[in-house]
Amino acid sequence: MDYSIFLHKLHEELRSPQHAAAKHFIRFPNEREFTACLHEWQSLQTTLPGLAAIHPLPLIHAFSCSLPKQQLPCIPHSLRVEADETAHVHFPPALAIRQGTPYRRRKEAVPWGIRHIQAPKLWEKATGRNVHIGVIDTGVDFFHPDLRHAVSKGINVIHRSMLPYDDNGHGTHIAGTIAASGGHQGMTGVAPDAIIHPVKTFDHQGTAYVSDIIAGIDWCVRNQMDIINMSFGMKKNSRALHEAVRRAVQAGIVVVASSGNDGKRKWVDFPARFPQTISVGAINKASKIAAFSNRGQFIDIYAPGDNISSTWLFGKYNELSGTSMATSHVSGVIALLLEMKPSLRPTEIKTILKSAAGSLKGAAPVYGGEVNAMKAIRFLKGISR
């Protein structure tokens, strides 16, 4: 196929002011076709400046750009066009009511959720050392005294020339539950020696385009993360996002995703709904499913997510509720497992977590159980003999 002609026509469309445009993916049938077009795109950029608006996504063999909303005649039938949707971090629905005022002094050295999953009982044996976790979120406050030791290189996908600093708070809260290590003055996370890599794809309002999330996943794959924490969701399925998740898991990365905060019994948000992820629901202190948490057969595991205290912006702390908070507990437990046995594959980790899960409390039968770090390590030792 002559991709030079295709790119010239696409350049004309991109520079045309006549049509309302929206972000889309242009996906190629295979790596060979994508690479051929990518080389042509690189060679034409000096003569066709409008092509700078195209962003390659090698992980899924696609380009991302704004296109007219109607079907373009210049795009060959062999290429697939898909709308670039938006996703949102999983704050609870009644955030204005549930979120407290950030406070300067931490409430507990070890928050209730971390004690509940029995992580502290393992710290003499495992603390998540040398386990790398990509947190695809709003960034991280890497100046927070409880996180400075944990944060390593990351990326700001929204503004490539800027550091992935958190301008929302959500990503910092997630990072603290996973790997905070503030000693006597601060709080301690599930895996206090794990390494956090902030991947900022969400803006200050907690919103991201799927194309930016995929670019973040691509970064995690290329930089050999062990775990990707995805405390966000969307209602629409995205084939492009599913392909990116599938390729990350194929590369050996464990992808952990929050199920959503709609309180629904037969619904889980994407990407948690993808079978390749570990989908997480939230429980409260009584080991009951939190009222806001989605639930049902699509949930792999539950974890503490109600009134969770963790790190916040400007060296402060905050108490939040949501399946986002539950997901960070599970990512921390996986970090403990991977320190004990780095060769574990994503499917093996899912099996261990589900097999070692504790029973949930409630009148009606429920699918799944709650994560338990101690039981997971015991189960690991049992199958490793």
Protein backbone atom coordinates (compact mmCIF):
# COMPACT_ATOMS: atom_id res chain seq x y z
CA MET A 1 0.00 0.00 0.00
CA ASP A 2 1.24 3.51 -0.86
CA TYR A 3 1.15 5.25 2.52
CA SER A 4 2.57 8.46 1.03
CA ILE A 5 -0.70 9.11 -0.81
CA PHE A 6 -2.69 8.23 2.30
CA LEU A 7 -0.68 10.61 4.49
CA HIS A 8 -0.94 13.45 1.96
CA LYS A 9 -4.73 13.10 1.92
CA LEU A 10 -4.85 12.79 5.72
CA HIS A 11 -2.72 15.94 5.98
CA GLU A 12 -5.29 17.84 3.90
CA GLU A 13 -8.12 16.65 6.14
CA LEU A 14 -6.23 17.52 9.33
CA ARG A 15 -5.67 21.09 8.11
CA SER A 16 -9.20 21.58 6.83
CA PRO A 17 -11.33 23.92 9.00
CA GLN A 18 -14.59 22.74 7.42
CA HIS A 19 -15.48 19.82 9.69
CA ALA A 20 -16.00 19.39 13.42
CA ALA A 21 -13.27 17.05 14.62
CA ALA A 22 -12.89 14.55 17.45
CA LYS A 23 -10.00 12.38 18.59
CA HIS A 24 -9.76 8.94 16.96
CA PHE A 25 -7.48 5.96 16.55
CA ILE A 26 -6.37 4.71 13.14
CA ARG A 27 -5.36 1.09 13.68
CA PHE A 28 -3.30 -0.98 11.26
CA PRO A 29 -3.90 -4.69 10.59
CA ASN A 30 -0.39 -5.74 11.65
CA GLU A 31 3.01 -4.49 12.77
CA ARG A 32 4.46 -4.58 9.25
CA GLU A 33 1.84 -2.19 7.85
CA PHE A 34 2.12 0.11 10.86
CA THR A 35 5.92 0.26 10.59
CA ALA A 36 5.73 1.04 6.86
CA CYS A 37 3.34 3.95 7.48
CA LEU A 38 5.36 5.12 10.49
CA HIS A 39 8.54 5.39 8.38
CA GLU A 40 6.65 7.33 5.70
CA TRP A 41 5.15 9.62 8.37
CA GLN A 42 8.62 10.33 9.77
CA SER A 43 10.02 11.21 6.34
CA LEU A 44 7.13 13.54 5.44
CA GLN A 45 6.98 15.64 8.61
CA THR A 46 9.28 18.37 7.33
CA THR A 47 7.21 18.91 4.18
CA LEU A 48 3.77 18.26 5.71
CA PRO A 49 3.71 20.09 9.08
CA GLY A 50 0.11 19.07 9.78
CA LEU A 51 1.29 15.51 10.35
CA ALA A 52 2.77 16.65 13.67
CA ALA A 53 -0.79 16.36 15.02
CA ILE A 54 -0.55 12.57 14.59
CA HIS A 55 0.73 10.56 17.58
CA PRO A 56 2.04 7.04 17.01
CA LEU A 57 1.02 4.28 19.45
CA PRO A 58 3.40 1.40 18.61
CA LEU A 59 2.02 -0.90 21.32
CA ILE A 60 -1.26 -1.34 19.45
CA HIS A 61 -0.03 -0.52 15.90
CA ALA A 62 -2.05 2.68 15.68
CA PHE A 63 -2.01 6.44 15.21
CA SER A 64 -3.99 8.87 17.34
CA CYS A 65 -5.27 12.13 15.86
CA SER A 66 -8.32 14.37 15.50
CA LEU A 67 -10.54 13.48 12.55
CA PRO A 68 -13.82 14.76 11.16
CA LYS A 69 -16.72 12.97 12.78
CA GLN A 70 -18.00 11.61 9.46
CA GLN A 71 -16.25 8.71 7.69
CA LEU A 72 -13.21 9.83 5.72
CA PRO A 73 -12.86 8.59 2.12
CA CYS A 74 -9.05 8.86 2.39
CA ILE A 75 -8.82 6.06 4.98
CA PRO A 76 -8.47 2.63 3.32
CA HIS A 77 -10.85 -0.16 4.30
CA SER A 78 -7.91 -2.20 5.63
CA LEU A 79 -7.46 0.34 8.44
CA ARG A 80 -9.80 0.46 11.44
CA VAL A 81 -11.01 3.77 12.85
CA GLU A 82 -12.14 3.95 16.48
CA ALA A 83 -13.28 6.91 18.59
CA ASP A 84 -10.89 8.00 21.33
CA GLU A 85 -13.08 7.99 24.45
CA THR A 86 -12.39 9.46 27.89
CA ALA A 87 -11.90 7.74 31.24
CA HIS A 88 -12.09 9.09 34.79
CA VAL A 89 -10.31 8.24 38.02
CA HIS A 90 -12.61 6.37 40.41
CA PHE A 91 -13.52 8.96 43.00
CA PRO A 92 -16.76 7.99 44.81
CA PRO A 93 -19.97 9.52 43.38
CA ALA A 94 -20.62 11.76 46.41
CA LEU A 95 -17.03 13.03 46.57
CA ALA A 96 -17.94 16.46 47.91
CA ILE A 97 -19.62 14.82 50.88
CA ARG A 98 -17.30 11.87 51.46
CA GLN A 99 -13.95 13.57 51.03
CA GLY A 100 -12.65 15.20 54.18
CA THR A 101 -10.39 18.21 54.51
CA PRO A 102 -6.72 17.34 53.98
CA TYR A 103 -4.81 17.23 57.25
CA ARG A 104 -1.16 17.79 58.10
CA ARG A 105 -0.54 14.99 60.63
CA ARG A 106 -1.33 11.42 59.69
CA LYS A 107 -4.04 9.70 61.73
CA GLU A 108 -2.43 6.25 61.89
CA ALA A 109 1.11 5.05 61.24
CA VAL A 110 -0.45 1.99 59.58
CA PRO A 111 -3.97 2.71 58.24
CA TRP A 112 -6.77 0.27 59.04
CA GLY A 113 -6.92 -1.25 55.57
CA ILE A 114 -3.28 -2.27 55.60
CA ARG A 115 -3.67 -3.86 59.01
CA HIS A 116 -6.89 -5.54 57.87
CA ILE A 117 -5.18 -7.42 55.02
CA GLN A 118 -2.39 -8.44 57.46
CA ALA A 119 0.42 -6.90 55.44
CA PRO A 120 2.47 -5.80 58.51
CA LYS A 121 2.86 -9.46 59.57
CA LEU A 122 4.91 -10.03 56.40
CA TRP A 123 7.30 -7.09 56.57
CA GLU A 124 10.08 -9.13 58.14
CA LYS A 125 9.98 -11.36 55.07
CA ALA A 126 8.79 -9.10 52.23
CA THR A 127 8.37 -5.36 51.72
CA GLY A 128 8.10 -5.17 47.94
CA ARG A 129 11.80 -4.57 47.42
CA ASN A 130 12.85 -4.18 43.75
CA VAL A 131 9.26 -4.46 42.51
CA HIS A 132 8.40 -1.72 40.00
CA ILE A 133 4.83 -0.38 39.84
CA GLY A 134 3.52 1.94 37.16
CA VAL A 135 0.71 4.06 38.62
CA ILE A 136 -1.33 5.35 35.68
CA ASP A 137 -3.15 8.23 37.31
CA THR A 138 -2.96 11.97 37.99
CA GLY A 139 0.75 11.87 38.91
CA VAL A 140 2.41 11.81 42.33
CA ASP A 141 3.55 14.44 44.83
CA PHE A 142 7.13 13.20 44.82
CA PHE A 143 8.10 15.79 47.45
CA HIS A 144 5.83 14.16 50.04
CA PRO A 145 8.11 13.01 52.90
CA ASP A 146 6.43 9.57 52.98
CA LEU A 147 6.95 9.02 49.24
CA ARG A 148 10.32 10.58 48.41
CA HIS A 149 12.13 7.28 48.91
CA ALA A 150 9.66 5.36 46.73
CA VAL A 151 9.22 7.46 43.60
CA SER A 152 11.44 6.77 40.60
CA LYS A 153 11.35 7.95 37.00
CA GLY A 154 8.00 8.30 35.33
CA ILE A 155 6.37 10.21 32.48
CA ASN A 156 3.91 13.03 31.97
CA VAL A 157 1.99 11.95 28.87
CA ILE A 158 -0.14 15.12 28.83
CA HIS A 159 2.85 17.50 28.86
CA ARG A 160 5.93 15.55 27.80
CA SER A 161 8.34 18.33 28.84
CA MET A 162 7.02 18.42 32.42
CA LEU A 163 7.48 16.11 35.39
CA PRO A 164 4.55 13.83 36.34
CA TYR A 165 3.59 15.97 39.33
CA ASP A 166 0.13 15.43 40.80
CA ASP A 167 -2.25 18.39 40.45
CA ASN A 168 -5.32 16.47 41.65
CA GLY A 169 -4.39 14.30 44.67
CA HIS A 170 -5.83 10.97 43.55
CA GLY A 171 -2.53 9.53 42.27
CA THR A 172 -0.68 10.57 45.44
CA HIS A 173 -3.31 8.82 47.57
CA ILE A 174 -2.92 5.62 45.53
CA ALA A 175 0.88 5.74 45.74
CA GLY A 176 0.79 6.14 49.52
CA THR A 177 -1.33 3.06 50.11
CA ILE A 178 0.99 1.03 47.91
CA ALA A 179 4.42 2.15 49.07
CA ALA A 180 4.51 4.98 51.65
CA SER A 181 7.31 4.71 54.19
CA GLY A 182 7.20 7.66 56.53
CA GLY A 183 8.59 6.03 59.65
CA HIS A 184 7.45 7.34 63.03
CA GLN A 185 6.39 10.70 61.62
CA GLY A 186 4.35 9.43 58.67
CA MET A 187 2.38 6.43 57.39
CA THR A 188 3.43 3.07 55.97
CA GLY A 189 1.94 1.45 52.88
CA VAL A 190 1.35 -2.20 52.01
CA ALA A 191 4.75 -2.64 50.33
CA PRO A 192 6.96 0.12 51.79
CA ASP A 193 10.03 -0.77 49.70
CA ALA A 194 8.24 -1.06 46.35
CA ILE A 195 9.20 1.45 43.62
CA ILE A 196 6.50 3.77 42.29
CA HIS A 197 6.73 5.09 38.72
CA PRO A 198 4.18 7.89 38.24
CA VAL A 199 2.58 7.81 34.79
CA LYS A 200 0.53 10.99 34.50
CA THR A 201 -2.20 10.54 31.91
CA PHE A 202 -5.07 12.18 33.85
CA ASP A 203 -5.49 15.95 34.14
CA HIS A 204 -6.25 18.00 37.25
CA GLN A 205 -9.94 17.04 36.99
CA GLY A 206 -9.14 13.32 36.86
CA THR A 207 -9.98 12.87 33.16
CA ALA A 208 -7.90 11.24 30.42
CA TYR A 209 -8.19 10.24 26.80
CA VAL A 210 -7.77 6.53 26.13
CA SER A 211 -4.95 7.38 23.70
CA ASP A 212 -2.97 8.95 26.56
CA ILE A 213 -3.65 5.93 28.79
CA ILE A 214 -2.37 3.63 26.02
CA ALA A 215 0.74 5.80 25.69
CA GLY A 216 1.20 5.33 29.45
CA ILE A 217 0.80 1.56 29.16
CA ASP A 218 3.32 1.59 26.30
CA TRP A 219 5.79 3.39 28.59
CA CYS A 220 5.24 0.78 31.30
CA VAL A 221 5.89 -2.07 28.87
CA ARG A 222 9.04 -0.47 27.45
CA ASN A 223 10.34 0.28 30.95
CA GLN A 224 9.59 -3.23 32.22
CA MET A 225 7.14 -2.54 35.03
CA ASP A 226 6.09 -5.51 37.15
CA ILE A 227 2.63 -4.13 38.00
CA ILE A 228 0.35 -1.48 36.51
CA ASN A 229 -2.19 0.10 38.89
CA MET A 230 -5.29 1.39 37.08
CA SER A 231 -7.61 3.12 39.55
CA PHE A 232 -9.90 4.51 36.87
CA GLY A 233 -12.69 3.42 34.59
CA MET A 234 -15.06 4.07 31.71
CA LYS A 235 -18.50 2.78 30.75
CA LYS A 236 -17.76 2.15 27.07
CA ASN A 237 -15.60 -0.68 25.85
CA SER A 238 -12.50 0.38 23.93
CA ARG A 239 -10.95 -2.21 21.64
CA ALA A 240 -7.78 -0.15 21.51
CA LEU A 241 -7.45 -0.09 25.31
CA HIS A 242 -8.23 -3.81 25.50
CA GLU A 243 -5.45 -4.53 23.01
CA ALA A 244 -2.99 -2.43 25.04
CA VAL A 245 -3.90 -4.26 28.26
CA ARG A 246 -3.63 -7.62 26.52
CA ARG A 247 -0.15 -6.79 25.23
CA ALA A 248 0.98 -5.57 28.67
CA VAL A 249 -0.12 -8.85 30.26
CA GLN A 250 1.57 -10.80 27.45
CA ALA A 251 4.76 -8.93 28.41
CA GLY A 252 4.41 -10.34 31.96
CA ILE A 253 2.97 -7.24 33.65
CA VAL A 254 0.20 -7.68 36.23
CA VAL A 255 -2.61 -5.19 35.50
CA VAL A 256 -4.82 -4.30 38.49
CA ALA A 257 -7.99 -2.25 37.87
CA SER A 258 -10.79 -0.78 39.99
CA SER A 259 -14.32 -2.01 39.33
CA GLY A 260 -16.17 1.30 39.73
CA ASN A 261 -18.27 3.10 42.32
CA ASP A 262 -21.82 2.78 41.02
CA GLY A 263 -23.02 0.21 43.59
CA LYS A 264 -24.16 -2.09 40.76
CA ARG A 265 -24.51 -5.86 41.13
CA LYS A 266 -23.96 -6.89 37.50
CA TRP A 267 -21.64 -4.24 36.16
CA VAL A 268 -17.90 -3.57 36.22
CA ASP A 269 -16.24 -0.63 34.47
CA PHE A 270 -13.61 -1.04 31.77
CA PRO A 271 -10.68 -1.84 31.94
CA ALA A 272 -11.50 -3.92 35.06
CA ARG A 273 -14.01 -5.85 32.93
CA PHE A 274 -11.27 -7.14 30.62
CA PRO A 275 -10.45 -10.76 31.53
CA GLN A 276 -6.71 -10.02 31.50
CA THR A 277 -6.92 -7.63 34.46
CA ILE A 278 -7.33 -8.30 38.17
CA SER A 279 -10.61 -6.50 38.93
CA VAL A 280 -11.04 -5.08 42.43
CA GLY A 281 -14.11 -4.21 44.50
CA ALA A 282 -14.18 -2.41 47.86
CA ILE A 283 -15.07 -3.55 51.39
CA ASN A 284 -15.49 -1.71 54.68
CA LYS A 285 -14.08 -2.42 58.13
CA ALA A 286 -16.73 -5.08 58.75
CA SER A 287 -15.56 -7.10 55.71
CA LYS A 288 -18.79 -6.27 53.91
CA ILE A 289 -18.93 -4.98 50.35
CA ALA A 290 -19.02 -1.18 50.50
CA ALA A 291 -22.33 0.31 49.40
CA PHE A 292 -20.70 2.28 46.56
CA SER A 293 -18.72 -0.67 45.15
CA ASN A 294 -19.69 -2.51 41.99
CA ARG A 295 -19.91 -6.23 42.64
CA GLY A 296 -20.78 -9.57 41.07
CA GLN A 297 -19.17 -12.29 38.99
CA PHE A 298 -16.78 -9.92 37.19
CA ILE A 299 -14.94 -9.04 40.43
CA ASP A 300 -11.78 -11.05 41.10
CA ILE A 301 -10.98 -9.78 44.60
CA TYR A 302 -12.15 -7.24 47.19
CA ALA A 303 -9.98 -5.02 49.40
CA PRO A 304 -10.39 -2.17 51.90
CA GLY A 305 -11.80 0.91 50.19
CA ASP A 306 -13.97 2.72 52.74
CA ASN A 307 -12.56 5.72 54.63
CA ILE A 308 -8.95 5.05 53.62
CA SER A 309 -6.32 7.43 54.95
CA SER A 310 -3.27 8.01 52.74
CA THR A 311 -0.84 10.60 51.44
CA TRP A 312 -2.07 13.81 49.78
CA LEU A 313 -0.71 16.91 48.07
CA PHE A 314 1.70 19.33 49.77
CA GLY A 315 2.88 16.77 52.30
CA LYS A 316 -0.60 16.30 53.74
CA TYR A 317 -2.93 13.32 54.20
CA ASN A 318 -6.54 12.70 53.25
CA GLU A 319 -9.29 10.17 53.79
CA LEU A 320 -11.05 8.87 50.65
CA SER A 321 -13.44 6.07 49.75
CA GLY A 322 -13.66 4.19 46.48
CA THR A 323 -12.64 1.10 44.55
CA SER A 324 -9.55 3.11 43.58
CA MET A 325 -8.36 2.81 47.17
CA ALA A 326 -9.11 -0.92 47.21
CA THR A 327 -7.05 -1.42 44.04
CA SER A 328 -3.95 0.12 45.58
CA HIS A 329 -4.13 -2.38 48.46
CA VAL A 330 -4.15 -5.25 45.96
CA SER A 331 -1.22 -3.81 43.98
CA GLY A 332 0.74 -3.67 47.23
CA VAL A 333 -0.01 -7.31 48.05
CA ILE A 334 1.10 -8.35 44.56
CA ALA A 335 4.38 -6.48 45.14
CA LEU A 336 4.94 -8.60 48.27
CA LEU A 337 4.27 -11.77 46.26
CA LEU A 338 6.64 -10.74 43.48
CA GLU A 339 9.46 -10.02 45.90
CA MET A 340 9.05 -13.56 47.24
CA LYS A 341 8.87 -15.08 43.75
CA PRO A 342 9.69 -12.69 40.86
CA SER A 343 8.95 -15.33 38.21
CA LEU A 344 5.20 -15.37 38.92
CA ARG A 345 3.07 -14.77 35.83
CA PRO A 346 -0.06 -12.56 35.86
CA THR A 347 -2.42 -15.56 35.61
CA GLU A 348 -0.64 -17.29 38.50
CA ILE A 349 -0.95 -14.19 40.68
CA LYS A 350 -4.68 -13.92 39.98
CA THR A 351 -5.10 -17.58 40.93
CA ILE A 352 -3.17 -17.11 44.18
CA LEU A 353 -5.16 -14.04 45.23
CA LYS A 354 -8.51 -15.70 44.55
CA SER A 355 -7.53 -19.04 46.10
CA ALA A 356 -6.24 -17.36 49.28
CA ALA A 357 -9.11 -14.87 49.62
CA GLY A 358 -10.97 -14.56 52.91
CA SER A 359 -14.75 -14.82 53.19
CA LEU A 360 -16.91 -11.72 52.91
CA LYS A 361 -19.68 -11.01 55.39
CA GLY A 362 -23.24 -10.42 54.32
CA ALA A 363 -26.65 -12.05 54.17
CA ALA A 364 -26.67 -12.80 50.44
CA PRO A 365 -24.12 -15.08 48.72
CA VAL A 366 -21.46 -13.08 46.88
CA TYR A 367 -18.85 -13.81 44.26
CA GLY A 368 -15.22 -13.49 45.34
CA GLY A 369 -13.52 -12.83 48.64
CA GLU A 370 -11.28 -10.27 50.32
CA VAL A 371 -7.55 -10.10 49.76
CA ASN A 372 -5.34 -11.39 52.56
CA ALA A 373 -1.59 -10.91 52.32
CA MET A 374 -0.70 -13.55 54.88
CA LYS A 375 -2.87 -16.22 53.27
CA ALA A 376 -1.55 -15.33 49.82
CA ILE A 377 2.05 -15.82 50.92
CA ARG A 378 1.18 -19.12 52.62
CA PHE A 379 -0.58 -20.30 49.47
CA LEU A 380 2.47 -19.28 47.42
CA LYS A 381 4.78 -21.25 49.68
CA GLY A 382 2.48 -24.26 49.45
CA ILE A 383 2.54 -24.38 45.65
CA SER A 384 6.28 -23.61 45.51
CA ARG A 385 7.32 -26.73 47.41
